[in-house]
């Protein structure tokens, strides 16, 4: 069920935003009243801002769809939160690749 919601969100974002949006995690309170949906964006700062604005715009629609899909009495109040972990991982990989290239070229200045 929740996978269906994630797929719907990703398809909706793909159709309405130029950046690639991935939903990475969900935190739900024990009483199911609140849910934080984490997302990452592959794009520049403008893309991140556009995504944030768009997700907040469709938040109520997502809550409604979630309530219909799960068929529960209490529909969680949803908030969207940016998850920088994908960016951090890509940056670490980039740095490791740079280090590896330098090591492959050997120490500079040696004959």
N, C-alpha and C. Protein backbone atom coordinates (compact mmCIF):
# COMPACT_ATOMS: atom_id res chain seq x y z
N UNK A 1 0.81 -1.20 0.00
CA UNK A 1 0.00 0.00 0.00
C UNK A 1 0.86 1.27 0.00
N UNK A 2 1.79 1.38 0.96
CA UNK A 2 2.62 2.58 1.03
C UNK A 2 3.52 2.70 -0.20
N UNK A 3 3.92 1.57 -0.75
CA UNK A 3 4.70 1.59 -1.98
C UNK A 3 3.88 2.21 -3.11
N UNK A 4 2.57 1.93 -3.13
CA UNK A 4 1.68 2.52 -4.13
C UNK A 4 1.64 4.04 -3.99
N UNK A 5 1.59 4.51 -2.76
CA UNK A 5 1.57 5.95 -2.52
C UNK A 5 2.87 6.57 -3.00
N UNK A 6 3.99 5.94 -2.68
CA UNK A 6 5.30 6.45 -3.11
C UNK A 6 5.37 6.49 -4.63
N UNK A 7 4.92 5.43 -5.29
CA UNK A 7 4.94 5.40 -6.75
C UNK A 7 4.06 6.50 -7.34
N UNK A 8 2.89 6.71 -6.75
CA UNK A 8 2.01 7.78 -7.22
C UNK A 8 2.68 9.14 -7.06
N UNK A 9 3.31 9.37 -5.93
CA UNK A 9 4.00 10.63 -5.69
C UNK A 9 5.15 10.83 -6.68
N UNK A 10 5.95 9.79 -6.90
CA UNK A 10 7.08 9.91 -7.82
C UNK A 10 6.60 10.16 -9.24
N UNK A 11 5.53 9.49 -9.66
CA UNK A 11 4.98 9.70 -11.00
C UNK A 11 4.42 11.11 -11.13
N UNK A 12 3.74 11.59 -10.10
CA UNK A 12 3.18 12.94 -10.11
C UNK A 12 4.29 13.97 -10.21
N UNK A 13 5.35 13.79 -9.44
CA UNK A 13 6.47 14.73 -9.48
C UNK A 13 7.16 14.68 -10.84
N UNK A 14 7.33 13.49 -11.40
CA UNK A 14 7.96 13.36 -12.72
C UNK A 14 7.16 14.09 -13.78
N UNK A 15 5.84 14.09 -13.65
CA UNK A 15 4.98 14.74 -14.64
C UNK A 15 4.94 16.26 -14.46
N UNK A 16 5.21 16.75 -13.25
CA UNK A 16 5.01 18.17 -12.97
C UNK A 16 6.27 18.95 -12.59
N UNK A 17 7.38 18.27 -12.42
CA UNK A 17 8.62 18.94 -12.05
C UNK A 17 9.72 18.54 -13.02
N UNK A 18 10.70 19.43 -13.23
CA UNK A 18 11.79 19.08 -14.14
C UNK A 18 12.90 18.28 -13.45
N UNK A 19 12.98 18.35 -12.14
CA UNK A 19 14.00 17.61 -11.39
C UNK A 19 13.50 16.21 -11.06
N UNK A 20 14.45 15.30 -10.84
CA UNK A 20 14.10 13.94 -10.41
C UNK A 20 13.94 13.93 -8.90
N UNK A 21 12.78 13.48 -8.44
CA UNK A 21 12.47 13.45 -7.01
C UNK A 21 12.35 11.99 -6.58
N UNK A 22 13.00 11.66 -5.47
CA UNK A 22 12.93 10.32 -4.90
C UNK A 22 12.49 10.43 -3.45
N UNK A 23 11.56 9.59 -3.05
CA UNK A 23 11.10 9.57 -1.67
C UNK A 23 11.88 8.51 -0.93
N UNK A 24 12.57 8.95 0.12
CA UNK A 24 13.57 8.10 0.75
C UNK A 24 13.13 7.43 2.05
N UNK A 25 12.21 8.06 2.77
CA UNK A 25 11.83 7.50 4.06
C UNK A 25 10.52 8.13 4.54
N UNK A 26 9.89 7.47 5.49
CA UNK A 26 8.69 8.01 6.13
C UNK A 26 8.80 7.73 7.62
N UNK A 27 8.53 8.75 8.42
CA UNK A 27 8.47 8.59 9.88
C UNK A 27 7.05 8.89 10.31
N UNK A 28 6.45 7.94 11.01
CA UNK A 28 5.06 8.10 11.48
C UNK A 28 5.07 8.03 13.00
N UNK A 29 4.34 8.94 13.63
CA UNK A 29 4.26 8.91 15.09
C UNK A 29 3.48 7.68 15.53
N UNK A 30 3.68 7.28 16.78
CA UNK A 30 3.03 6.09 17.30
C UNK A 30 1.50 6.16 17.22
N UNK A 31 0.95 7.36 17.38
CA UNK A 31 -0.50 7.49 17.33
C UNK A 31 -1.04 7.70 15.90
N UNK A 32 -0.15 7.65 14.92
CA UNK A 32 -0.48 7.77 13.49
C UNK A 32 -1.10 9.12 13.14
N UNK A 33 -0.90 10.11 13.94
CA UNK A 33 -1.47 11.44 13.66
C UNK A 33 -0.58 12.28 12.74
N UNK A 34 0.72 11.99 12.73
CA UNK A 34 1.66 12.78 11.94
C UNK A 34 2.60 11.86 11.16
N UNK A 35 2.89 12.26 9.94
CA UNK A 35 3.84 11.52 9.11
C UNK A 35 4.76 12.51 8.42
N UNK A 36 6.05 12.24 8.50
CA UNK A 36 7.05 13.04 7.83
C UNK A 36 7.56 12.22 6.65
N UNK A 37 7.42 12.77 5.46
CA UNK A 37 7.88 12.08 4.25
C UNK A 37 9.15 12.77 3.79
N UNK A 38 10.23 12.01 3.71
CA UNK A 38 11.53 12.55 3.31
C UNK A 38 11.73 12.33 1.82
N UNK A 39 12.32 13.33 1.18
CA UNK A 39 12.56 13.25 -0.26
C UNK A 39 13.93 13.84 -0.60
N UNK A 40 14.46 13.40 -1.74
CA UNK A 40 15.70 13.99 -2.25
C UNK A 40 15.43 14.46 -3.67
N UNK A 41 16.25 15.39 -4.11
CA UNK A 41 16.08 15.99 -5.43
C UNK A 41 17.42 15.99 -6.15
N UNK A 42 17.43 15.48 -7.38
CA UNK A 42 18.61 15.60 -8.22
C UNK A 42 18.41 16.83 -9.08
N UNK A 43 19.11 17.89 -8.73
CA UNK A 43 18.98 19.15 -9.45
C UNK A 43 19.66 20.25 -8.68
N UNK A 44 19.49 21.47 -9.17
CA UNK A 44 20.11 22.61 -8.50
C UNK A 44 19.19 23.19 -7.42
N UNK A 45 19.63 24.28 -6.82
CA UNK A 45 18.85 24.88 -5.72
C UNK A 45 17.46 25.31 -6.17
N UNK A 46 17.35 25.78 -7.40
CA UNK A 46 16.05 26.18 -7.94
C UNK A 46 15.10 24.98 -8.03
N UNK A 47 15.64 23.84 -8.46
CA UNK A 47 14.85 22.61 -8.54
C UNK A 47 14.37 22.18 -7.16
N UNK A 48 15.25 22.31 -6.17
CA UNK A 48 14.89 21.95 -4.79
C UNK A 48 13.77 22.84 -4.27
N UNK A 49 13.88 24.13 -4.57
CA UNK A 49 12.86 25.07 -4.12
C UNK A 49 11.53 24.78 -4.82
N UNK A 50 11.58 24.55 -6.13
CA UNK A 50 10.36 24.23 -6.89
C UNK A 50 9.69 22.97 -6.34
N UNK A 51 10.50 21.98 -6.00
CA UNK A 51 9.97 20.72 -5.46
C UNK A 51 9.31 20.95 -4.11
N UNK A 52 9.96 21.72 -3.26
CA UNK A 52 9.39 22.01 -1.94
C UNK A 52 8.04 22.72 -2.07
N UNK A 53 7.98 23.72 -2.93
CA UNK A 53 6.73 24.45 -3.14
C UNK A 53 5.65 23.52 -3.68
N UNK A 54 6.01 22.69 -4.65
CA UNK A 54 5.04 21.78 -5.25
C UNK A 54 4.51 20.76 -4.23
N UNK A 55 5.42 20.16 -3.46
CA UNK A 55 4.99 19.16 -2.49
C UNK A 55 4.06 19.77 -1.43
N UNK A 56 4.36 20.97 -1.00
CA UNK A 56 3.49 21.62 -0.03
C UNK A 56 2.14 21.97 -0.65
N UNK A 57 2.14 22.23 -1.93
CA UNK A 57 0.89 22.54 -2.65
C UNK A 57 -0.03 21.31 -2.73
N UNK A 58 0.57 20.13 -2.93
CA UNK A 58 -0.25 18.91 -3.09
C UNK A 58 -0.41 18.12 -1.80
N UNK A 59 0.08 18.65 -0.69
CA UNK A 59 0.07 17.93 0.59
C UNK A 59 -1.32 17.42 0.99
N UNK A 60 -2.33 18.26 0.90
CA UNK A 60 -3.69 17.85 1.29
C UNK A 60 -4.23 16.76 0.37
N UNK A 61 -3.91 16.85 -0.92
CA UNK A 61 -4.34 15.81 -1.86
C UNK A 61 -3.69 14.47 -1.52
N UNK A 62 -2.42 14.52 -1.15
CA UNK A 62 -1.71 13.29 -0.77
C UNK A 62 -2.34 12.69 0.48
N UNK A 63 -2.65 13.52 1.46
CA UNK A 63 -3.30 13.03 2.68
C UNK A 63 -4.63 12.35 2.34
N UNK A 64 -5.40 12.96 1.47
CA UNK A 64 -6.69 12.40 1.08
C UNK A 64 -6.51 11.04 0.39
N UNK A 65 -5.56 10.97 -0.56
CA UNK A 65 -5.30 9.71 -1.26
C UNK A 65 -4.81 8.64 -0.30
N UNK A 66 -3.96 9.03 0.64
CA UNK A 66 -3.45 8.09 1.63
C UNK A 66 -4.58 7.54 2.48
N UNK A 67 -5.49 8.39 2.89
CA UNK A 67 -6.65 7.95 3.67
C UNK A 67 -7.51 6.98 2.89
N UNK A 68 -7.72 7.23 1.61
CA UNK A 68 -8.52 6.32 0.78
C UNK A 68 -7.83 4.98 0.60
N UNK A 69 -6.53 4.99 0.35
CA UNK A 69 -5.79 3.75 0.11
C UNK A 69 -5.70 2.89 1.36
N UNK A 70 -5.47 3.53 2.51
CA UNK A 70 -5.27 2.77 3.74
C UNK A 70 -6.58 2.44 4.47
N UNK A 71 -7.63 3.19 4.14
CA UNK A 71 -8.94 2.96 4.75
C UNK A 71 -8.84 2.95 6.28
N UNK A 72 -8.32 4.06 6.83
CA UNK A 72 -8.15 4.18 8.27
C UNK A 72 -8.95 5.38 8.78
N UNK A 73 -9.27 5.36 10.07
CA UNK A 73 -10.07 6.44 10.65
C UNK A 73 -9.29 7.74 10.75
N UNK A 74 -8.06 7.65 11.23
CA UNK A 74 -7.23 8.84 11.41
C UNK A 74 -6.25 8.92 10.25
N UNK A 75 -6.34 10.00 9.49
CA UNK A 75 -5.40 10.22 8.39
C UNK A 75 -4.26 11.08 8.92
N UNK A 76 -3.03 10.61 8.79
CA UNK A 76 -1.90 11.38 9.33
C UNK A 76 -1.76 12.74 8.65
N UNK A 77 -1.39 13.74 9.44
CA UNK A 77 -1.04 15.04 8.88
C UNK A 77 0.37 14.91 8.31
N UNK A 78 0.50 15.16 7.03
CA UNK A 78 1.76 14.93 6.33
C UNK A 78 2.57 16.22 6.24
N UNK A 79 3.87 16.06 6.44
CA UNK A 79 4.82 17.12 6.12
C UNK A 79 5.91 16.50 5.25
N UNK A 80 6.45 17.30 4.37
CA UNK A 80 7.55 16.85 3.52
C UNK A 80 8.83 17.50 4.00
N UNK A 81 9.90 16.70 4.06
CA UNK A 81 11.18 17.22 4.53
C UNK A 81 12.29 16.76 3.59
N UNK A 82 13.12 17.71 3.20
CA UNK A 82 14.23 17.41 2.29
C UNK A 82 15.25 16.51 2.99
N UNK A 83 15.72 15.50 2.28
CA UNK A 83 16.71 14.55 2.80
C UNK A 83 18.01 14.74 2.01
N UNK A 84 19.04 15.30 2.63
CA UNK A 84 20.29 15.57 1.91
C UNK A 84 21.21 14.36 1.77
N UNK A 85 20.82 13.20 2.27
CA UNK A 85 21.73 12.05 2.30
C UNK A 85 22.18 11.62 0.91
N UNK A 86 21.32 11.71 -0.09
CA UNK A 86 21.69 11.32 -1.45
C UNK A 86 22.79 12.24 -1.97
N UNK A 87 22.63 13.54 -1.74
CA UNK A 87 23.66 14.50 -2.15
C UNK A 87 24.98 14.24 -1.43
N UNK A 88 24.90 13.97 -0.14
CA UNK A 88 26.11 13.70 0.64
C UNK A 88 26.81 12.46 0.11
N UNK A 89 26.05 11.43 -0.18
CA UNK A 89 26.63 10.20 -0.73
C UNK A 89 27.30 10.42 -2.07
N UNK A 90 26.67 11.22 -2.92
CA UNK A 90 27.25 11.52 -4.24
C UNK A 90 28.53 12.33 -4.08
N UNK A 91 28.55 13.26 -3.14
CA UNK A 91 29.74 14.07 -2.90
C UNK A 91 30.88 13.21 -2.37
N UNK A 92 30.61 12.30 -1.46
CA UNK A 92 31.64 11.40 -0.94
C UNK A 92 32.20 10.54 -2.07
N UNK A 93 31.32 10.03 -2.92
CA UNK A 93 31.77 9.20 -4.05
C UNK A 93 32.66 10.02 -4.98
N UNK A 94 32.30 11.27 -5.23
CA UNK A 94 33.09 12.15 -6.08
C UNK A 94 34.49 12.35 -5.48
N UNK A 95 34.55 12.62 -4.18
CA UNK A 95 35.84 12.83 -3.52
C UNK A 95 36.69 11.57 -3.55
N UNK A 96 36.07 10.42 -3.33
CA UNK A 96 36.82 9.16 -3.38
C UNK A 96 37.37 8.89 -4.79
N UNK A 97 36.58 9.21 -5.80
CA UNK A 97 37.05 9.05 -7.18
C UNK A 97 38.23 9.97 -7.48
N UNK A 98 38.18 11.21 -6.98
CA UNK A 98 39.29 12.14 -7.17
C UNK A 98 40.56 11.62 -6.50
N UNK A 99 40.42 11.09 -5.28
CA UNK A 99 41.57 10.54 -4.57
C UNK A 99 42.14 9.36 -5.33
N UNK A 100 41.27 8.50 -5.83
CA UNK A 100 41.70 7.32 -6.57
C UNK A 100 42.46 7.72 -7.84
N UNK A 101 41.98 8.74 -8.54
CA UNK A 101 42.66 9.20 -9.77
C UNK A 101 44.04 9.74 -9.44
N UNK A 102 44.16 10.48 -8.35
CA UNK A 102 45.45 11.02 -7.95
C UNK A 102 46.42 9.90 -7.60
N UNK A 103 45.94 8.87 -6.92
CA UNK A 103 46.79 7.74 -6.56
C UNK A 103 47.21 6.94 -7.80
N UNK A 104 46.33 6.84 -8.80
CA UNK A 104 46.64 6.12 -10.03
C UNK A 104 47.73 6.84 -10.82
N UNK A 105 47.76 8.15 -10.72
CA UNK A 105 48.77 8.94 -11.44
C UNK A 105 50.11 8.93 -10.72
N UNK A 106 50.15 8.43 -9.52
CA UNK A 106 51.38 8.35 -8.76
C UNK A 106 51.69 9.66 -8.08
N UNK A 107 52.66 9.66 -7.20
CA UNK A 107 53.00 10.89 -6.48
C UNK A 107 53.59 11.91 -7.45
N UNK A 108 53.18 13.13 -7.30
CA UNK A 108 53.66 14.21 -8.16
C UNK A 108 55.08 14.60 -7.76
N UNK A 109 55.86 14.95 -8.75
CA UNK A 109 57.20 15.43 -8.48
C UNK A 109 58.25 14.33 -8.42
N UNK A 110 57.88 13.05 -8.45
CA UNK A 110 58.85 11.96 -8.41
C UNK A 110 59.31 11.63 -9.83
N UNK A 111 60.57 11.26 -9.95
CA UNK A 111 61.11 10.89 -11.27
C UNK A 111 61.20 9.42 -11.41
